[in-house]
């Protein structure tokens, strides 16, 4: 079981940027497809960005062109660079495998986009 800890969230104005980081605890992390998910108040948790073990990336339409997912297998990290943030990006952001492994959900990191 991989333990995951997210960080980097905060309050940012529309148009601003944030970089989220997810640190894993398992050396086999590098063999897994990883993803960032987000959950807005009262809504379902949705996957927004995915990266395979080979570095191939996929994005939801809502973030394509604004968010960039990356990974460093040596450091056991997965990052999410978020640019041109919009109020609708406000949510708690989580990382996990894809498909998600329930026991690996962390506390997430809050991102609030507001003027």
N, C-alpha and C. Protein backbone atom coordinates (compact mmCIF):
# COMPACT_ATOMS: atom_id res chain seq x y z
N UNK A 1 0.85 -1.20 0.00
CA UNK A 1 0.00 0.00 0.00
C UNK A 1 0.88 1.24 0.00
N UNK A 2 0.64 2.13 -0.98
CA UNK A 2 1.40 3.36 -1.08
C UNK A 2 0.71 4.43 -0.25
N UNK A 3 1.45 5.07 0.62
CA UNK A 3 0.94 6.21 1.36
C UNK A 3 1.28 7.47 0.58
N UNK A 4 0.30 8.34 0.43
CA UNK A 4 0.46 9.53 -0.39
C UNK A 4 0.14 10.78 0.42
N UNK A 5 0.97 11.80 0.28
CA UNK A 5 0.77 13.06 0.99
C UNK A 5 0.82 14.20 -0.02
N UNK A 6 -0.27 14.96 -0.07
CA UNK A 6 -0.37 16.08 -0.98
C UNK A 6 -0.04 17.39 -0.27
N UNK A 7 0.53 18.34 -1.04
CA UNK A 7 0.84 19.66 -0.50
C UNK A 7 0.85 20.68 -1.63
N UNK A 8 0.89 21.95 -1.24
CA UNK A 8 1.04 23.01 -2.23
C UNK A 8 -0.20 23.82 -2.51
N UNK A 9 -1.32 23.46 -1.91
CA UNK A 9 -2.54 24.21 -2.14
C UNK A 9 -2.51 25.57 -1.46
N UNK A 10 -3.55 26.35 -1.71
CA UNK A 10 -3.65 27.66 -1.10
C UNK A 10 -4.70 28.51 -1.76
N UNK A 11 -4.69 29.78 -1.41
CA UNK A 11 -5.62 30.75 -1.98
C UNK A 11 -4.90 31.53 -3.07
N UNK A 12 -5.50 31.61 -4.24
CA UNK A 12 -4.89 32.30 -5.37
C UNK A 12 -5.96 33.06 -6.13
N UNK A 13 -5.58 34.16 -6.73
CA UNK A 13 -6.52 34.94 -7.52
C UNK A 13 -6.73 34.29 -8.89
N UNK A 14 -7.87 34.56 -9.50
CA UNK A 14 -8.08 34.05 -10.87
C UNK A 14 -6.94 34.49 -11.78
N UNK A 15 -6.49 33.54 -12.62
CA UNK A 15 -5.35 33.80 -13.49
C UNK A 15 -4.02 33.43 -12.88
N UNK A 16 -4.01 33.13 -11.60
CA UNK A 16 -2.77 32.79 -10.92
C UNK A 16 -2.36 31.34 -11.12
N UNK A 17 -1.27 30.97 -10.46
CA UNK A 17 -0.70 29.62 -10.60
C UNK A 17 -0.40 29.01 -9.24
N UNK A 18 -0.46 27.71 -9.21
CA UNK A 18 -0.03 26.94 -8.04
C UNK A 18 0.63 25.65 -8.54
N UNK A 19 1.52 25.13 -7.72
CA UNK A 19 2.13 23.83 -8.02
C UNK A 19 1.88 22.89 -6.85
N UNK A 20 1.16 21.82 -7.13
CA UNK A 20 0.87 20.81 -6.12
C UNK A 20 1.91 19.70 -6.21
N UNK A 21 2.18 19.10 -5.06
CA UNK A 21 3.12 18.00 -5.02
C UNK A 21 2.53 16.84 -4.23
N UNK A 22 2.82 15.64 -4.67
CA UNK A 22 2.36 14.43 -4.01
C UNK A 22 3.58 13.55 -3.78
N UNK A 23 3.81 13.20 -2.54
CA UNK A 23 4.95 12.35 -2.20
C UNK A 23 4.45 10.98 -1.81
N UNK A 24 5.04 9.94 -2.41
CA UNK A 24 4.67 8.57 -2.11
C UNK A 24 5.67 7.91 -1.19
N UNK A 25 5.28 6.77 -0.68
CA UNK A 25 6.12 6.08 0.30
C UNK A 25 6.59 4.71 -0.18
N UNK A 26 6.25 4.36 -1.39
CA UNK A 26 6.49 3.00 -1.85
C UNK A 26 7.41 3.02 -3.06
N UNK A 27 8.43 2.20 -3.03
CA UNK A 27 9.40 2.21 -4.12
C UNK A 27 8.84 1.69 -5.43
N UNK A 28 7.70 0.95 -5.37
CA UNK A 28 7.13 0.44 -6.61
C UNK A 28 6.21 1.47 -7.26
N UNK A 29 6.15 2.64 -6.69
CA UNK A 29 5.41 3.78 -7.24
C UNK A 29 5.72 3.97 -8.72
N UNK A 30 6.98 3.78 -9.11
CA UNK A 30 7.40 4.07 -10.47
C UNK A 30 6.72 3.18 -11.51
N UNK A 31 6.16 2.07 -11.09
CA UNK A 31 5.51 1.14 -12.03
C UNK A 31 4.02 1.44 -12.20
N UNK A 32 3.53 2.43 -11.52
CA UNK A 32 2.08 2.67 -11.48
C UNK A 32 1.68 3.93 -12.25
N UNK A 33 0.52 3.85 -12.88
CA UNK A 33 -0.10 5.05 -13.43
C UNK A 33 -0.65 5.85 -12.27
N UNK A 34 -0.32 7.13 -12.22
CA UNK A 34 -0.74 8.01 -11.15
C UNK A 34 -1.63 9.11 -11.71
N UNK A 35 -2.44 9.68 -10.84
CA UNK A 35 -3.37 10.72 -11.29
C UNK A 35 -3.62 11.72 -10.18
N UNK A 36 -4.04 12.88 -10.60
CA UNK A 36 -4.57 13.89 -9.69
C UNK A 36 -6.08 13.94 -9.86
N UNK A 37 -6.76 14.04 -8.74
CA UNK A 37 -8.21 14.12 -8.70
C UNK A 37 -8.58 15.39 -7.92
N UNK A 38 -9.82 15.83 -8.10
CA UNK A 38 -10.28 16.94 -7.29
C UNK A 38 -11.75 16.75 -6.94
N UNK A 39 -12.11 17.31 -5.80
CA UNK A 39 -13.49 17.23 -5.34
C UNK A 39 -13.93 18.59 -4.84
N UNK A 40 -14.89 19.15 -5.55
CA UNK A 40 -15.47 20.42 -5.15
C UNK A 40 -16.59 20.16 -4.15
N UNK A 41 -16.94 21.16 -3.32
CA UNK A 41 -18.00 20.97 -2.33
C UNK A 41 -19.30 20.47 -2.96
N UNK A 42 -19.82 19.38 -2.43
CA UNK A 42 -21.09 18.86 -2.90
C UNK A 42 -21.03 18.10 -4.21
N UNK A 43 -19.82 17.87 -4.72
CA UNK A 43 -19.68 17.20 -6.01
C UNK A 43 -18.83 15.94 -5.87
N UNK A 44 -18.87 15.12 -6.90
CA UNK A 44 -18.09 13.90 -6.91
C UNK A 44 -16.61 14.19 -7.13
N UNK A 45 -15.77 13.27 -6.67
CA UNK A 45 -14.34 13.37 -6.93
C UNK A 45 -14.10 12.98 -8.38
N UNK A 46 -13.37 13.83 -9.11
CA UNK A 46 -13.13 13.62 -10.53
C UNK A 46 -11.64 13.60 -10.82
N UNK A 47 -11.26 12.80 -11.76
CA UNK A 47 -9.86 12.75 -12.20
C UNK A 47 -9.60 13.89 -13.18
N UNK A 48 -8.52 14.63 -12.98
CA UNK A 48 -8.22 15.75 -13.87
C UNK A 48 -6.95 15.56 -14.67
N UNK A 49 -6.01 14.77 -14.17
CA UNK A 49 -4.75 14.58 -14.89
C UNK A 49 -4.18 13.21 -14.55
N UNK A 50 -3.59 12.57 -15.55
CA UNK A 50 -3.07 11.21 -15.40
C UNK A 50 -1.69 11.13 -16.05
N UNK A 51 -0.82 10.33 -15.43
CA UNK A 51 0.50 10.11 -16.02
C UNK A 51 0.87 8.64 -15.85
N UNK A 52 1.25 8.00 -16.95
CA UNK A 52 1.61 6.59 -16.90
C UNK A 52 3.05 6.43 -16.38
N UNK A 53 3.43 5.19 -16.18
CA UNK A 53 4.80 4.92 -15.72
C UNK A 53 5.82 5.34 -16.77
N UNK A 54 5.40 5.41 -18.03
CA UNK A 54 6.30 5.84 -19.10
C UNK A 54 6.25 7.34 -19.36
N UNK A 55 5.44 8.05 -18.58
CA UNK A 55 5.39 9.50 -18.72
C UNK A 55 4.34 10.03 -19.68
N UNK A 56 3.48 9.17 -20.19
CA UNK A 56 2.40 9.63 -21.06
C UNK A 56 1.35 10.31 -20.21
N UNK A 57 0.82 11.42 -20.70
CA UNK A 57 -0.11 12.22 -19.91
C UNK A 57 -1.48 12.35 -20.58
N UNK A 58 -2.50 12.53 -19.76
CA UNK A 58 -3.86 12.73 -20.22
C UNK A 58 -4.53 13.72 -19.28
N UNK A 59 -5.42 14.54 -19.83
CA UNK A 59 -6.08 15.58 -19.04
C UNK A 59 -7.57 15.62 -19.33
N UNK A 60 -8.33 16.03 -18.33
CA UNK A 60 -9.73 16.28 -18.58
C UNK A 60 -9.86 17.55 -19.41
N UNK A 61 -10.96 17.67 -20.11
CA UNK A 61 -11.16 18.83 -20.96
C UNK A 61 -11.17 20.12 -20.16
N UNK A 62 -11.60 20.06 -18.94
CA UNK A 62 -11.72 21.27 -18.12
C UNK A 62 -10.36 21.87 -17.75
N UNK A 63 -9.29 21.08 -17.81
CA UNK A 63 -7.98 21.60 -17.40
C UNK A 63 -6.94 21.54 -18.51
N UNK A 64 -7.30 20.93 -19.63
CA UNK A 64 -6.35 20.77 -20.73
C UNK A 64 -5.81 22.13 -21.18
N UNK A 65 -4.50 22.19 -21.32
CA UNK A 65 -3.86 23.44 -21.74
C UNK A 65 -3.50 24.36 -20.59
N UNK A 66 -3.99 24.06 -19.40
CA UNK A 66 -3.69 24.90 -18.22
C UNK A 66 -2.90 24.14 -17.15
N UNK A 67 -3.16 22.85 -17.03
CA UNK A 67 -2.50 22.03 -16.01
C UNK A 67 -1.48 21.12 -16.68
N UNK A 68 -0.40 20.83 -15.94
CA UNK A 68 0.62 19.90 -16.41
C UNK A 68 1.00 18.96 -15.28
N UNK A 69 0.88 17.67 -15.55
CA UNK A 69 1.25 16.65 -14.57
C UNK A 69 2.65 16.14 -14.90
N UNK A 70 3.43 15.88 -13.87
CA UNK A 70 4.77 15.34 -14.07
C UNK A 70 5.10 14.42 -12.91
N UNK A 71 6.14 13.61 -13.09
CA UNK A 71 6.53 12.70 -12.03
C UNK A 71 8.05 12.58 -11.97
N UNK A 72 8.53 12.25 -10.78
CA UNK A 72 9.94 11.98 -10.57
C UNK A 72 9.99 10.67 -9.79
N UNK A 73 10.24 9.58 -10.49
CA UNK A 73 10.18 8.27 -9.85
C UNK A 73 11.28 8.10 -8.80
N UNK A 74 12.42 8.74 -9.00
CA UNK A 74 13.50 8.63 -8.02
C UNK A 74 13.10 9.27 -6.69
N UNK A 75 12.35 10.36 -6.77
CA UNK A 75 11.91 11.06 -5.56
C UNK A 75 10.55 10.59 -5.10
N UNK A 76 9.91 9.72 -5.88
CA UNK A 76 8.57 9.20 -5.58
C UNK A 76 7.59 10.37 -5.43
N UNK A 77 7.59 11.26 -6.43
CA UNK A 77 6.68 12.41 -6.41
C UNK A 77 5.91 12.51 -7.72
N UNK A 78 4.73 13.09 -7.60
CA UNK A 78 3.92 13.45 -8.76
C UNK A 78 3.46 14.88 -8.53
N UNK A 79 3.76 15.75 -9.46
CA UNK A 79 3.41 17.16 -9.32
C UNK A 79 2.31 17.56 -10.29
N UNK A 80 1.62 18.63 -9.95
CA UNK A 80 0.60 19.19 -10.83
C UNK A 80 0.82 20.70 -10.89
N UNK A 81 1.29 21.18 -12.02
CA UNK A 81 1.45 22.61 -12.24
C UNK A 81 0.13 23.15 -12.79
N UNK A 82 -0.43 24.12 -12.10
CA UNK A 82 -1.73 24.66 -12.48
C UNK A 82 -1.57 26.14 -12.82
N UNK A 83 -1.86 26.48 -14.05
CA UNK A 83 -1.76 27.87 -14.51
C UNK A 83 -3.12 28.39 -14.92
N UNK A 84 -3.22 29.70 -14.99
CA UNK A 84 -4.47 30.35 -15.41
C UNK A 84 -5.67 29.79 -14.63
N UNK A 85 -5.53 29.75 -13.33
CA UNK A 85 -6.57 29.16 -12.49
C UNK A 85 -7.86 29.95 -12.55
N UNK A 86 -8.96 29.22 -12.45
CA UNK A 86 -10.29 29.79 -12.52
C UNK A 86 -11.05 29.47 -11.23
N UNK A 87 -12.06 30.26 -10.90
CA UNK A 87 -12.84 29.96 -9.69
C UNK A 87 -13.39 28.53 -9.67
N UNK A 88 -13.73 28.00 -10.83
CA UNK A 88 -14.27 26.64 -10.89
C UNK A 88 -13.22 25.57 -10.63
N UNK A 89 -11.96 25.96 -10.50
CA UNK A 89 -10.91 25.01 -10.11
C UNK A 89 -10.85 24.82 -8.59
N UNK A 90 -11.63 25.61 -7.87
CA UNK A 90 -11.65 25.50 -6.43
C UNK A 90 -12.12 24.10 -6.00
N UNK A 91 -11.31 23.42 -5.21
CA UNK A 91 -11.61 22.05 -4.80
C UNK A 91 -10.50 21.56 -3.87
N UNK A 92 -10.73 20.41 -3.29
CA UNK A 92 -9.65 19.68 -2.61
C UNK A 92 -9.03 18.75 -3.65
N UNK A 93 -7.72 18.80 -3.76
CA UNK A 93 -7.00 18.02 -4.76
C UNK A 93 -6.29 16.84 -4.09
N UNK A 94 -6.41 15.70 -4.73
CA UNK A 94 -5.83 14.46 -4.22
C UNK A 94 -5.01 13.78 -5.31
N UNK A 95 -4.02 13.03 -4.89
CA UNK A 95 -3.36 12.15 -5.85
C UNK A 95 -3.61 10.71 -5.44
N UNK A 96 -3.55 9.84 -6.41
CA UNK A 96 -3.73 8.42 -6.17
C UNK A 96 -3.32 7.69 -7.44
N UNK A 97 -3.32 6.39 -7.36
CA UNK A 97 -3.10 5.60 -8.56
C UNK A 97 -4.33 5.77 -9.47
N UNK A 98 -4.17 5.30 -10.73
CA UNK A 98 -5.34 5.16 -11.59
C UNK A 98 -5.32 3.75 -12.15
N UNK A 99 -6.42 3.00 -11.95
CA UNK A 99 -7.60 3.32 -11.13
C UNK A 99 -7.20 3.55 -9.67
N UNK A 100 -7.98 4.34 -8.95
CA UNK A 100 -7.61 4.67 -7.58
C UNK A 100 -7.68 3.47 -6.64
N UNK A 101 -6.75 3.46 -5.70
CA UNK A 101 -6.70 2.43 -4.67
C UNK A 101 -7.19 3.08 -3.38
N UNK A 102 -8.36 2.65 -2.93
CA UNK A 102 -9.05 3.35 -1.84
C UNK A 102 -8.18 3.57 -0.60
N UNK A 103 -7.42 2.57 -0.15
CA UNK A 103 -6.63 2.80 1.08
C UNK A 103 -5.54 3.86 0.92
N UNK A 104 -5.23 4.28 -0.31
CA UNK A 104 -4.15 5.24 -0.52
C UNK A 104 -4.62 6.68 -0.53
N UNK A 105 -5.93 6.93 -0.43
CA UNK A 105 -6.37 8.32 -0.41
C UNK A 105 -5.78 9.05 0.79
N UNK A 106 -5.20 10.23 0.52
CA UNK A 106 -4.65 11.05 1.58
C UNK A 106 -5.65 12.11 2.00
N UNK A 107 -5.14 13.13 2.69
CA UNK A 107 -6.01 14.21 3.18
C UNK A 107 -6.31 15.23 2.09
N UNK A 108 -5.51 15.23 1.04
CA UNK A 108 -5.72 16.19 -0.02
C UNK A 108 -5.15 17.56 0.36
N UNK A 109 -5.20 18.47 -0.61
CA UNK A 109 -4.75 19.84 -0.38
C UNK A 109 -5.78 20.79 -0.99
N UNK A 110 -6.18 21.78 -0.22
CA UNK A 110 -7.24 22.70 -0.65
C UNK A 110 -6.69 23.75 -1.60
N UNK A 111 -7.37 23.91 -2.71
CA UNK A 111 -7.08 24.99 -3.66
C UNK A 111 -8.31 25.87 -3.75
N UNK A 112 -8.13 27.15 -3.48
CA UNK A 112 -9.21 28.11 -3.56
C UNK A 112 -8.82 29.22 -4.51
N UNK A 113 -9.65 29.42 -5.53
CA UNK A 113 -9.39 30.46 -6.52
C UNK A 113 -10.46 31.52 -6.36
N UNK A 114 -10.04 32.67 -5.89
CA UNK A 114 -11.01 33.73 -5.59
C UNK A 114 -10.31 35.07 -5.57
N UNK A 115 -11.05 36.10 -5.97
CA UNK A 115 -10.52 37.45 -5.92
C UNK A 115 -10.92 38.12 -4.61
